[in-house]
């Protein structure tokens, strides 16, 4: 990824996602500076996992993705209009949900991950990682 940069890598990821699914992804990336390699890779992998999760489980038709750097932290906001998930099940890790892995990855970087969802009402995830 260091050859192309995060924005270009995500652009490519989302283009490939559009070829595999009929989910519309609306995305805004405002990352003015290059992040360190560990954070760039982590953010890329998280977005990749969120898209894969949406494809496999969400039944969403629309995803909104925002990535920005503010107040010395990377902020990633994901929203979909899918079927939602039972948050109690998510908190008892079952290997099928990559969302649990995202939480662990964020915590490993000293960040926070807030997920809110109700069955039938989509998924809203806010991730914050300090720079």
C-alpha atoms as a PDB file:
ATOM      1  CA  UNK A   1       0.000   0.000   0.000  1.00  0.00           C
ATOM      2  CA  UNK A   2       2.898   2.363   0.570  1.00  0.00           C
ATOM      3  CA  UNK A   3       3.391   2.643  -3.197  1.00  0.00           C
ATOM      4  CA  UNK A   4      -0.118   3.947  -3.880  1.00  0.00           C
ATOM      5  CA  UNK A   5      -1.244   5.550  -0.621  1.00  0.00           C
ATOM      6  CA  UNK A   6      -4.356   5.007   1.444  1.00  0.00           C
ATOM      7  CA  UNK A   7      -6.788   7.034  -0.685  1.00  0.00           C
ATOM      8  CA  UNK A   8      -5.870   5.227  -3.897  1.00  0.00           C
ATOM      9  CA  UNK A   9      -5.927   1.831  -2.195  1.00  0.00           C
ATOM     10  CA  UNK A  10      -9.407   2.529  -0.799  1.00  0.00           C
ATOM     11  CA  UNK A  11     -10.583   3.817  -4.174  1.00  0.00           C
ATOM     12  CA  UNK A  12      -9.495   0.514  -5.723  1.00  0.00           C
ATOM     13  CA  UNK A  13     -11.076  -1.501  -2.889  1.00  0.00           C
ATOM     14  CA  UNK A  14     -14.433   0.258  -3.315  1.00  0.00           C
ATOM     15  CA  UNK A  15     -14.347  -0.110  -7.119  1.00  0.00           C
ATOM     16  CA  UNK A  16     -13.816  -3.874  -6.713  1.00  0.00           C
ATOM     17  CA  UNK A  17     -16.587  -3.978  -4.106  1.00  0.00           C
ATOM     18  CA  UNK A  18     -18.987  -2.338  -6.580  1.00  0.00           C
ATOM     19  CA  UNK A  19     -18.178  -5.071  -9.109  1.00  0.00           C
ATOM     20  CA  UNK A  20     -19.100  -7.799  -6.593  1.00  0.00           C
ATOM     21  CA  UNK A  21     -22.210  -6.233  -5.095  1.00  0.00           C
ATOM     22  CA  UNK A  22     -25.099  -3.945  -5.856  1.00  0.00           C
ATOM     23  CA  UNK A  23     -24.581  -1.980  -2.638  1.00  0.00           C
ATOM     24  CA  UNK A  24     -24.007   1.717  -3.279  1.00  0.00           C
ATOM     25  CA  UNK A  25     -21.049   3.102  -1.314  1.00  0.00           C
ATOM     26  CA  UNK A  26     -20.971   6.825  -0.715  1.00  0.00           C
ATOM     27  CA  UNK A  27     -17.571   7.757   0.660  1.00  0.00           C
ATOM     28  CA  UNK A  28     -15.603  10.796   1.734  1.00  0.00           C
ATOM     29  CA  UNK A  29     -11.960  10.628   2.663  1.00  0.00           C
ATOM     30  CA  UNK A  30     -10.270  13.665   4.178  1.00  0.00           C
ATOM     31  CA  UNK A  31      -6.816  12.532   5.209  1.00  0.00           C
ATOM     32  CA  UNK A  32      -4.526  15.487   4.503  1.00  0.00           C
ATOM     33  CA  UNK A  33      -1.287  13.862   5.616  1.00  0.00           C
ATOM     34  CA  UNK A  34       0.146  10.417   5.167  1.00  0.00           C
ATOM     35  CA  UNK A  35      -0.536   8.252   8.185  1.00  0.00           C
ATOM     36  CA  UNK A  36       2.075   5.911   9.560  1.00  0.00           C
ATOM     37  CA  UNK A  37       2.147   2.530   7.890  1.00  0.00           C
ATOM     38  CA  UNK A  38       0.578   0.643  10.810  1.00  0.00           C
ATOM     39  CA  UNK A  39      -2.449   2.972  10.918  1.00  0.00           C
ATOM     40  CA  UNK A  40      -2.895   3.065   7.151  1.00  0.00           C
ATOM     41  CA  UNK A  41      -2.896  -0.718   6.979  1.00  0.00           C
ATOM     42  CA  UNK A  42      -5.241  -0.990   9.985  1.00  0.00           C
ATOM     43  CA  UNK A  43      -7.727   1.503   8.485  1.00  0.00           C
ATOM     44  CA  UNK A  44      -7.599  -0.275   5.118  1.00  0.00           C
ATOM     45  CA  UNK A  45      -8.194  -3.684   6.726  1.00  0.00           C
ATOM     46  CA  UNK A  46     -11.060  -2.329   8.842  1.00  0.00           C
ATOM     47  CA  UNK A  47     -12.817  -0.837   5.826  1.00  0.00           C
ATOM     48  CA  UNK A  48     -12.211  -4.063   3.893  1.00  0.00           C
ATOM     49  CA  UNK A  49     -13.779  -6.043   6.742  1.00  0.00           C
ATOM     50  CA  UNK A  50     -16.740  -3.649   7.037  1.00  0.00           C
ATOM     51  CA  UNK A  51     -17.455  -3.984   3.306  1.00  0.00           C
ATOM     52  CA  UNK A  52     -17.108  -7.783   3.405  1.00  0.00           C
ATOM     53  CA  UNK A  53     -19.377  -7.928   6.438  1.00  0.00           C
ATOM     54  CA  UNK A  54     -21.962  -5.761   4.649  1.00  0.00           C
ATOM     55  CA  UNK A  55     -21.827  -8.029   1.609  1.00  0.00           C
ATOM     56  CA  UNK A  56     -22.226 -11.249   3.616  1.00  0.00           C
ATOM     57  CA  UNK A  57     -24.623 -10.243   6.366  1.00  0.00           C
ATOM     58  CA  UNK A  58     -26.220  -6.807   6.159  1.00  0.00           C
ATOM     59  CA  UNK A  59     -28.538  -7.016   3.138  1.00  0.00           C
ATOM     60  CA  UNK A  60     -27.877  -3.267   2.835  1.00  0.00           C
ATOM     61  CA  UNK A  61     -28.418  -1.302  -0.355  1.00  0.00           C
ATOM     62  CA  UNK A  62     -26.465   1.760   0.797  1.00  0.00           C
ATOM     63  CA  UNK A  63     -23.290   2.360   2.815  1.00  0.00           C
ATOM     64  CA  UNK A  64     -21.930   5.702   3.904  1.00  0.00           C
ATOM     65  CA  UNK A  65     -18.243   5.815   4.783  1.00  0.00           C
ATOM     66  CA  UNK A  66     -16.346   8.833   6.112  1.00  0.00           C
ATOM     67  CA  UNK A  67     -12.664   8.886   7.002  1.00  0.00           C
ATOM     68  CA  UNK A  68     -11.008  12.016   8.339  1.00  0.00           C
ATOM     69  CA  UNK A  69      -8.225  13.243  10.550  1.00  0.00           C
ATOM     70  CA  UNK A  70      -9.305  15.673  13.257  1.00  0.00           C
ATOM     71  CA  UNK A  71      -7.943  16.634  16.673  1.00  0.00           C
ATOM     72  CA  UNK A  72      -4.871  14.413  16.293  1.00  0.00           C
ATOM     73  CA  UNK A  73      -6.941  11.312  15.599  1.00  0.00           C
ATOM     74  CA  UNK A  74      -8.200   9.270  12.694  1.00  0.00           C
ATOM     75  CA  UNK A  75     -11.994   9.077  12.636  1.00  0.00           C
ATOM     76  CA  UNK A  76     -13.804   6.437  10.619  1.00  0.00           C
ATOM     77  CA  UNK A  77     -17.590   6.505  10.438  1.00  0.00           C
ATOM     78  CA  UNK A  78     -19.534   3.690   8.775  1.00  0.00           C
ATOM     79  CA  UNK A  79     -23.325   3.573   8.356  1.00  0.00           C
ATOM     80  CA  UNK A  80     -25.415   1.088   6.411  1.00  0.00           C
ATOM     81  CA  UNK A  81     -29.143   0.657   5.898  1.00  0.00           C
ATOM     82  CA  UNK A  82     -29.091  -3.110   6.311  1.00  0.00           C
ATOM     83  CA  UNK A  83     -30.922  -5.479   8.612  1.00  0.00           C
ATOM     84  CA  UNK A  84     -28.831  -4.537  11.645  1.00  0.00           C
ATOM     85  CA  UNK A  85     -27.436  -6.890  14.252  1.00  0.00           C
ATOM     86  CA  UNK A  86     -28.282  -7.979  17.752  1.00  0.00           C
ATOM     87  CA  UNK A  87     -25.666  -6.136  19.805  1.00  0.00           C
ATOM     88  CA  UNK A  88     -25.846  -8.749  22.604  1.00  0.00           C
ATOM     89  CA  UNK A  89     -24.682 -11.404  20.145  1.00  0.00           C
ATOM     90  CA  UNK A  90     -21.841  -9.190  18.953  1.00  0.00           C
ATOM     91  CA  UNK A  91     -20.494  -8.756  22.468  1.00  0.00           C
ATOM     92  CA  UNK A  92     -20.296 -12.532  22.887  1.00  0.00           C
ATOM     93  CA  UNK A  93     -17.713 -13.033  20.181  1.00  0.00           C
ATOM     94  CA  UNK A  94     -18.695 -15.635  17.674  1.00  0.00           C
ATOM     95  CA  UNK A  95     -16.083 -16.234  15.033  1.00  0.00           C
ATOM     96  CA  UNK A  96     -18.368 -15.371  12.134  1.00  0.00           C
ATOM     97  CA  UNK A  97     -18.422 -11.672  12.884  1.00  0.00           C
ATOM     98  CA  UNK A  98     -15.411  -9.775  11.667  1.00  0.00           C
ATOM     99  CA  UNK A  99     -16.770  -6.820  13.621  1.00  0.00           C
ATOM    100  CA  UNK A 100     -15.322  -8.278  16.809  1.00  0.00           C
ATOM    101  CA  UNK A 101     -11.899  -8.404  15.120  1.00  0.00           C
ATOM    102  CA  UNK A 102     -12.256  -4.744  14.143  1.00  0.00           C
ATOM    103  CA  UNK A 103     -12.938  -3.829  17.776  1.00  0.00           C
ATOM    104  CA  UNK A 104      -9.819  -5.704  18.874  1.00  0.00           C
ATOM    105  CA  UNK A 105      -7.690  -4.069  16.168  1.00  0.00           C
ATOM    106  CA  UNK A 106      -8.870  -0.593  17.189  1.00  0.00           C
ATOM    107  CA  UNK A 107      -8.187  -1.276  20.869  1.00  0.00           C
ATOM    108  CA  UNK A 108      -4.722  -2.533  19.951  1.00  0.00           C
ATOM    109  CA  UNK A 109      -3.997   0.919  18.478  1.00  0.00           C
ATOM    110  CA  UNK A 110      -5.293   2.671  21.603  1.00  0.00           C
ATOM    111  CA  UNK A 111      -8.518   3.728  19.919  1.00  0.00           C
ATOM    112  CA  UNK A 112     -12.226   3.434  20.555  1.00  0.00           C
ATOM    113  CA  UNK A 113     -14.933   1.693  18.565  1.00  0.00           C
ATOM    114  CA  UNK A 114     -18.607   2.426  19.135  1.00  0.00           C
ATOM    115  CA  UNK A 115     -21.140   0.240  17.350  1.00  0.00           C
ATOM    116  CA  UNK A 116     -24.848   0.883  17.475  1.00  0.00           C
ATOM    117  CA  UNK A 117     -27.471  -1.190  15.760  1.00  0.00           C
ATOM    118  CA  UNK A 118     -30.957  -2.498  16.148  1.00  0.00           C
ATOM    119  CA  UNK A 119     -32.470  -5.319  14.188  1.00  0.00           C
ATOM    120  CA  UNK A 120     -34.026  -3.870  11.057  1.00  0.00           C
ATOM    121  CA  UNK A 121     -32.305  -0.504  11.436  1.00  0.00           C
ATOM    122  CA  UNK A 122     -28.841  -0.871   9.972  1.00  0.00           C
ATOM    123  CA  UNK A 123     -25.448  -0.504  11.584  1.00  0.00           C
ATOM    124  CA  UNK A 124     -23.579   2.611  12.723  1.00  0.00           C
ATOM    125  CA  UNK A 125     -19.895   2.338  13.642  1.00  0.00           C
ATOM    126  CA  UNK A 126     -17.638   5.156  14.845  1.00  0.00           C
ATOM    127  CA  UNK A 127     -13.944   4.377  15.149  1.00  0.00           C
ATOM    128  CA  UNK A 128     -11.375   6.759  16.591  1.00  0.00           C
ATOM    129  CA  UNK A 129      -7.635   6.037  16.559  1.00  0.00           C
ATOM    130  CA  UNK A 130      -5.076   8.462  18.038  1.00  0.00           C
ATOM    131  CA  UNK A 131      -2.228   9.551  15.748  1.00  0.00           C
END
